[in-house]
Amino acid sequence: MKILAVDTSATPVSAALTDSGRLLGEFYLNVKTTHSQTLMPIVESLLKTTGTDVKDIDVFAVNVGPGSFTGVRIGVASVKGLTMPLDKPCAAVSTLEAMANCMPYESGVVCAVMDARCSQVYNALFRMKGGIAERLTPDRALSIAELKQELANYSEEVYLVGDGAEICQNAFSNMENIVLVPENIRFQHAYGTAKAAERMAEENKLCTSDELMPLYLRLPQAERERLAKGL
């Protein structure tokens, strides 16, 4: 089973191609360019350099959130555009789960955190088993203080991943079991998206391109501001 996975949920953008769990290739950029300009050239280059025809892809996977509202929409819209003419299945992957799937550690807890601003993070906790991220919590938006209180219940090592990892490490400086993972595996990669998609395919959790939608844990900022003004 060949899976083409993409991620545009934060500043980095990436695309990966796997075949029966084996990584054939991955392109990754972490520069401040617009994903609408970089994603499709990355996908095109990945397919060309691996000698893969888009028609040969079995599953198209994308991180649907949480993350940047604009970034997530770009990724979802791009996958919809690729799959609609081909009538191929899609995998709507949690960004937090994709990050956890890139972890090489088999002990401790993976704490995936994305900066949600206003002293909040998007978060989920996982435990790695056989290279697969097993959920301990659902995806949620919560304050850094609330997360710190929850993590105080864990005596084992807690590995911080995501663009909110450094913020949390600073806030949790008095907790000796907190580990900030190296930058090369700290942020989301499309390879983690592909790993999650393969599991979703095995569990019959794929969807059609029409069903593929972004997953937001909070309203967009403009909507929150409108509601705050009572409009």
Protein backbone atom coordinates (compact mmCIF):
# COMPACT_ATOMS: atom_id res chain seq x y z
CA MET A 1 0.00 0.00 0.00
CA LYS A 2 1.47 3.31 -1.12
CA ILE A 3 0.63 6.36 0.98
CA LEU A 4 1.28 9.97 0.04
CA ALA A 5 1.16 12.14 3.16
CA VAL A 6 1.41 15.91 3.54
CA ASP A 7 1.57 18.34 6.43
CA THR A 8 0.99 22.10 6.41
CA SER A 9 -0.33 22.53 9.95
CA ALA A 10 2.44 24.87 11.19
CA THR A 11 5.52 26.70 9.87
CA PRO A 12 7.20 23.53 8.51
CA VAL A 13 5.80 21.92 5.37
CA SER A 14 6.52 18.34 4.35
CA ALA A 15 5.46 15.50 2.09
CA ALA A 16 6.31 11.81 2.44
CA LEU A 17 5.78 8.68 0.39
CA THR A 18 5.68 5.24 1.99
CA ASP A 19 5.13 1.76 0.58
CA SER A 20 3.91 -0.91 3.03
CA GLY A 21 5.41 1.05 5.90
CA ARG A 22 8.77 1.68 4.21
CA LEU A 23 9.74 5.32 3.70
CA LEU A 24 10.52 5.87 0.02
CA GLY A 25 11.15 9.59 0.31
CA GLU A 26 10.35 12.74 2.25
CA PHE A 27 10.71 16.44 1.53
CA TYR A 28 10.77 18.87 4.48
CA LEU A 29 11.09 22.64 4.70
CA ASN A 30 11.07 24.84 7.80
CA VAL A 31 11.18 28.32 6.32
CA LYS A 32 8.67 31.14 6.45
CA THR A 33 7.17 30.69 3.01
CA THR A 34 3.53 30.32 2.10
CA HIS A 35 2.45 26.68 1.99
CA SER A 36 0.27 27.42 -1.02
CA GLN A 37 3.52 28.15 -2.89
CA THR A 38 5.65 25.29 -1.59
CA LEU A 39 3.42 22.26 -0.99
CA MET A 40 2.56 21.21 -4.54
CA PRO A 41 6.12 21.71 -5.90
CA ILE A 42 7.33 19.51 -3.01
CA VAL A 43 4.75 16.84 -3.82
CA GLU A 44 5.59 16.99 -7.53
CA SER A 45 9.32 16.66 -6.82
CA LEU A 46 8.75 13.77 -4.42
CA LEU A 47 6.71 11.81 -6.97
CA LYS A 48 9.20 12.55 -9.75
CA THR A 49 12.32 11.59 -7.80
CA THR A 50 10.74 8.34 -6.55
CA GLY A 51 9.43 7.48 -10.01
CA THR A 52 5.85 7.33 -8.77
CA ASP A 53 2.72 8.15 -10.75
CA VAL A 54 0.04 9.86 -8.67
CA LYS A 55 -2.43 7.28 -9.99
CA ASP A 56 -0.44 4.57 -8.19
CA ILE A 57 -1.05 6.11 -4.75
CA ASP A 58 -3.48 4.03 -2.69
CA VAL A 59 -4.14 6.45 0.18
CA PHE A 60 -3.69 10.22 0.47
CA ALA A 61 -3.09 11.44 4.01
CA VAL A 62 -3.07 14.92 5.53
CA ASN A 63 -2.87 16.44 8.99
CA VAL A 64 -6.30 18.01 9.52
CA GLY A 65 -5.50 19.79 12.79
CA PRO A 66 -5.01 21.13 15.26
CA GLY A 67 -2.73 23.81 13.90
CA SER A 68 -2.68 26.96 11.83
CA PHE A 69 -6.17 27.62 10.47
CA THR A 70 -4.82 28.75 7.11
CA GLY A 71 -2.16 26.05 6.94
CA VAL A 72 -4.58 23.22 7.71
CA ARG A 73 -7.00 24.48 5.05
CA ILE A 74 -4.21 24.55 2.46
CA GLY A 75 -3.25 20.95 3.19
CA VAL A 76 -6.83 19.67 3.19
CA ALA A 77 -7.74 21.56 0.01
CA SER A 78 -4.64 20.25 -1.78
CA VAL A 79 -5.41 16.63 -0.90
CA LYS A 80 -9.02 17.10 -1.96
CA GLY A 81 -7.78 18.41 -5.30
CA LEU A 82 -5.49 15.41 -5.77
CA THR A 83 -8.00 12.74 -4.78
CA MET A 84 -11.27 13.92 -6.33
CA PRO A 85 -10.34 13.06 -9.95
CA LEU A 86 -8.83 9.73 -8.85
CA ASP A 87 -11.59 8.69 -6.42
CA LYS A 88 -8.96 7.53 -3.92
CA PRO A 89 -9.46 7.26 -0.12
CA CYS A 90 -8.09 9.83 2.33
CA ALA A 91 -6.77 9.67 5.87
CA ALA A 92 -7.67 12.60 8.13
CA VAL A 93 -4.78 12.52 10.62
CA SER A 94 -4.41 14.38 13.91
CA THR A 95 -1.37 16.65 13.80
CA LEU A 96 -0.55 15.72 17.39
CA GLU A 97 -0.67 12.00 16.61
CA ALA A 98 1.55 12.51 13.57
CA MET A 99 4.18 14.18 15.77
CA ALA A 100 4.08 11.36 18.30
CA ASN A 101 4.55 8.78 15.54
CA CYS A 102 7.97 10.25 14.72
CA MET A 103 9.31 9.43 18.19
CA PRO A 104 11.96 6.68 18.43
CA TYR A 105 11.56 6.11 22.18
CA GLU A 106 9.69 3.11 23.57
CA SER A 107 9.55 4.27 27.18
CA GLY A 108 7.92 7.22 28.86
CA VAL A 109 5.09 9.47 27.71
CA VAL A 110 5.04 11.61 24.57
CA CYS A 111 3.52 15.03 25.20
CA ALA A 112 2.65 16.66 21.86
CA VAL A 113 2.11 20.40 22.26
CA MET A 114 1.40 23.14 19.74
CA ASP A 115 1.40 26.78 20.72
CA ALA A 116 -2.22 27.98 20.74
CA ARG A 117 -1.30 31.47 22.04
CA CYS A 118 -2.81 33.16 25.11
CA SER A 119 -0.90 30.76 27.44
CA GLN A 120 -2.72 27.78 25.91
CA VAL A 121 -1.55 24.76 23.93
CA TYR A 122 -3.13 22.15 21.72
CA ASN A 123 -2.15 18.89 23.36
CA ALA A 124 -2.47 15.14 23.49
CA LEU A 125 -0.53 12.51 25.44
CA PHE A 126 0.67 9.23 23.93
CA ARG A 127 2.66 6.14 24.86
CA MET A 128 4.80 4.42 22.23
CA LYS A 129 4.24 0.69 21.73
CA GLY A 130 6.08 -1.10 18.96
CA GLY A 131 6.74 2.17 17.17
CA ILE A 132 3.05 3.13 17.25
CA ALA A 133 1.63 6.02 19.25
CA GLU A 134 -1.11 4.79 21.61
CA ARG A 135 -3.41 7.52 22.87
CA LEU A 136 -3.66 8.42 26.53
CA THR A 137 -5.84 11.51 25.96
CA PRO A 138 -7.90 13.01 23.14
CA ASP A 139 -6.74 16.11 21.31
CA ARG A 140 -7.64 19.13 23.41
CA ALA A 141 -6.92 22.82 23.99
CA LEU A 142 -5.89 23.63 27.54
CA SER A 143 -3.78 26.08 29.51
CA ILE A 144 -0.09 25.42 30.13
CA ALA A 145 -0.83 25.52 33.86
CA GLU A 146 -3.48 22.79 33.48
CA LEU A 147 -1.09 20.62 31.48
CA LYS A 148 1.65 21.05 34.09
CA GLN A 149 -0.75 19.93 36.80
CA GLU A 150 -1.71 16.84 34.80
CA LEU A 151 1.89 15.88 34.02
CA ALA A 152 2.74 16.04 37.72
CA ASN A 153 0.97 12.66 37.96
CA TYR A 154 3.66 11.01 35.80
CA SER A 155 6.95 9.94 37.40
CA GLU A 156 8.40 8.53 34.16
CA GLU A 157 10.09 10.61 31.49
CA VAL A 158 7.81 12.94 29.51
CA TYR A 159 9.06 13.81 26.02
CA LEU A 160 7.99 17.22 24.69
CA VAL A 161 7.42 17.54 20.94
CA GLY A 162 5.88 20.29 18.82
CA ASP A 163 6.29 24.04 18.41
CA GLY A 164 5.00 24.52 21.96
CA ALA A 165 7.67 22.24 23.45
CA GLU A 166 10.17 24.95 24.39
CA ILE A 167 7.45 27.11 25.96
CA CYS A 168 6.34 24.17 28.07
CA GLN A 169 9.89 23.21 29.00
CA ASN A 170 10.42 26.70 30.41
CA ALA A 171 7.15 26.49 32.33
CA PHE A 172 7.99 23.01 33.65
CA SER A 173 11.61 23.79 34.59
CA ASN A 174 11.18 22.41 38.11
CA MET A 175 10.07 18.98 36.81
CA GLU A 176 13.09 16.72 36.43
CA ASN A 177 11.36 14.13 34.22
CA ILE A 178 10.60 16.58 31.39
CA VAL A 179 12.70 15.99 28.23
CA LEU A 180 12.87 18.36 25.25
CA VAL A 181 13.55 16.13 22.23
CA PRO A 182 16.09 17.10 19.52
CA GLU A 183 14.87 19.57 16.91
CA ASN A 184 15.11 17.09 14.03
CA ILE A 185 12.24 15.03 15.54
CA ARG A 186 10.55 17.78 17.54
CA PHE A 187 8.28 19.09 14.80
CA GLN A 188 5.71 17.28 12.71
CA HIS A 189 6.89 15.38 9.64
CA ALA A 190 4.69 13.88 6.95
CA TYR A 191 6.30 10.50 7.66
CA GLY A 192 4.46 10.46 11.01
CA THR A 193 1.27 11.30 9.10
CA ALA A 194 1.84 8.34 6.79
CA LYS A 195 2.40 5.99 9.76
CA ALA A 196 -0.88 7.09 11.30
CA ALA A 197 -2.65 6.72 7.95
CA GLU A 198 -1.43 3.15 7.52
CA ARG A 199 -2.94 2.24 10.88
CA MET A 200 -6.19 4.03 9.96
CA ALA A 201 -6.37 2.01 6.74
CA GLU A 202 -5.97 -1.23 8.70
CA GLU A 203 -8.79 -0.15 11.04
CA ASN A 204 -11.11 0.96 8.17
CA LYS A 205 -11.03 4.60 9.31
CA LEU A 206 -10.39 6.21 5.95
CA CYS A 207 -12.73 8.72 4.35
CA THR A 208 -13.64 10.09 0.94
CA SER A 209 -12.38 13.41 -0.40
CA ASP A 210 -15.88 14.85 0.20
CA GLU A 211 -15.72 13.80 3.86
CA LEU A 212 -12.22 15.18 4.41
CA MET A 213 -12.49 18.30 6.58
CA PRO A 214 -10.24 20.38 8.88
CA LEU A 215 -10.51 19.67 12.61
CA TYR A 216 -10.44 22.77 14.80
CA LEU A 217 -10.27 22.68 18.59
CA ARG A 218 -11.00 26.41 18.87
CA LEU A 219 -12.85 28.99 16.80
CA PRO A 220 -10.68 31.17 14.54
CA GLN A 221 -9.37 34.34 16.19
CA ALA A 222 -11.63 36.61 14.14
CA GLU A 223 -14.67 34.61 15.25
CA ARG A 224 -13.56 34.69 18.89
CA GLU A 225 -13.10 38.45 18.72
CA ARG A 226 -16.54 38.86 17.14
CA LEU A 227 -18.18 36.83 19.89
CA ALA A 228 -16.27 38.75 22.57
CA LYS A 229 -17.81 41.95 21.23
CA GLY A 230 -21.26 40.38 21.37
CA LEU A 231 -21.78 40.63 17.62
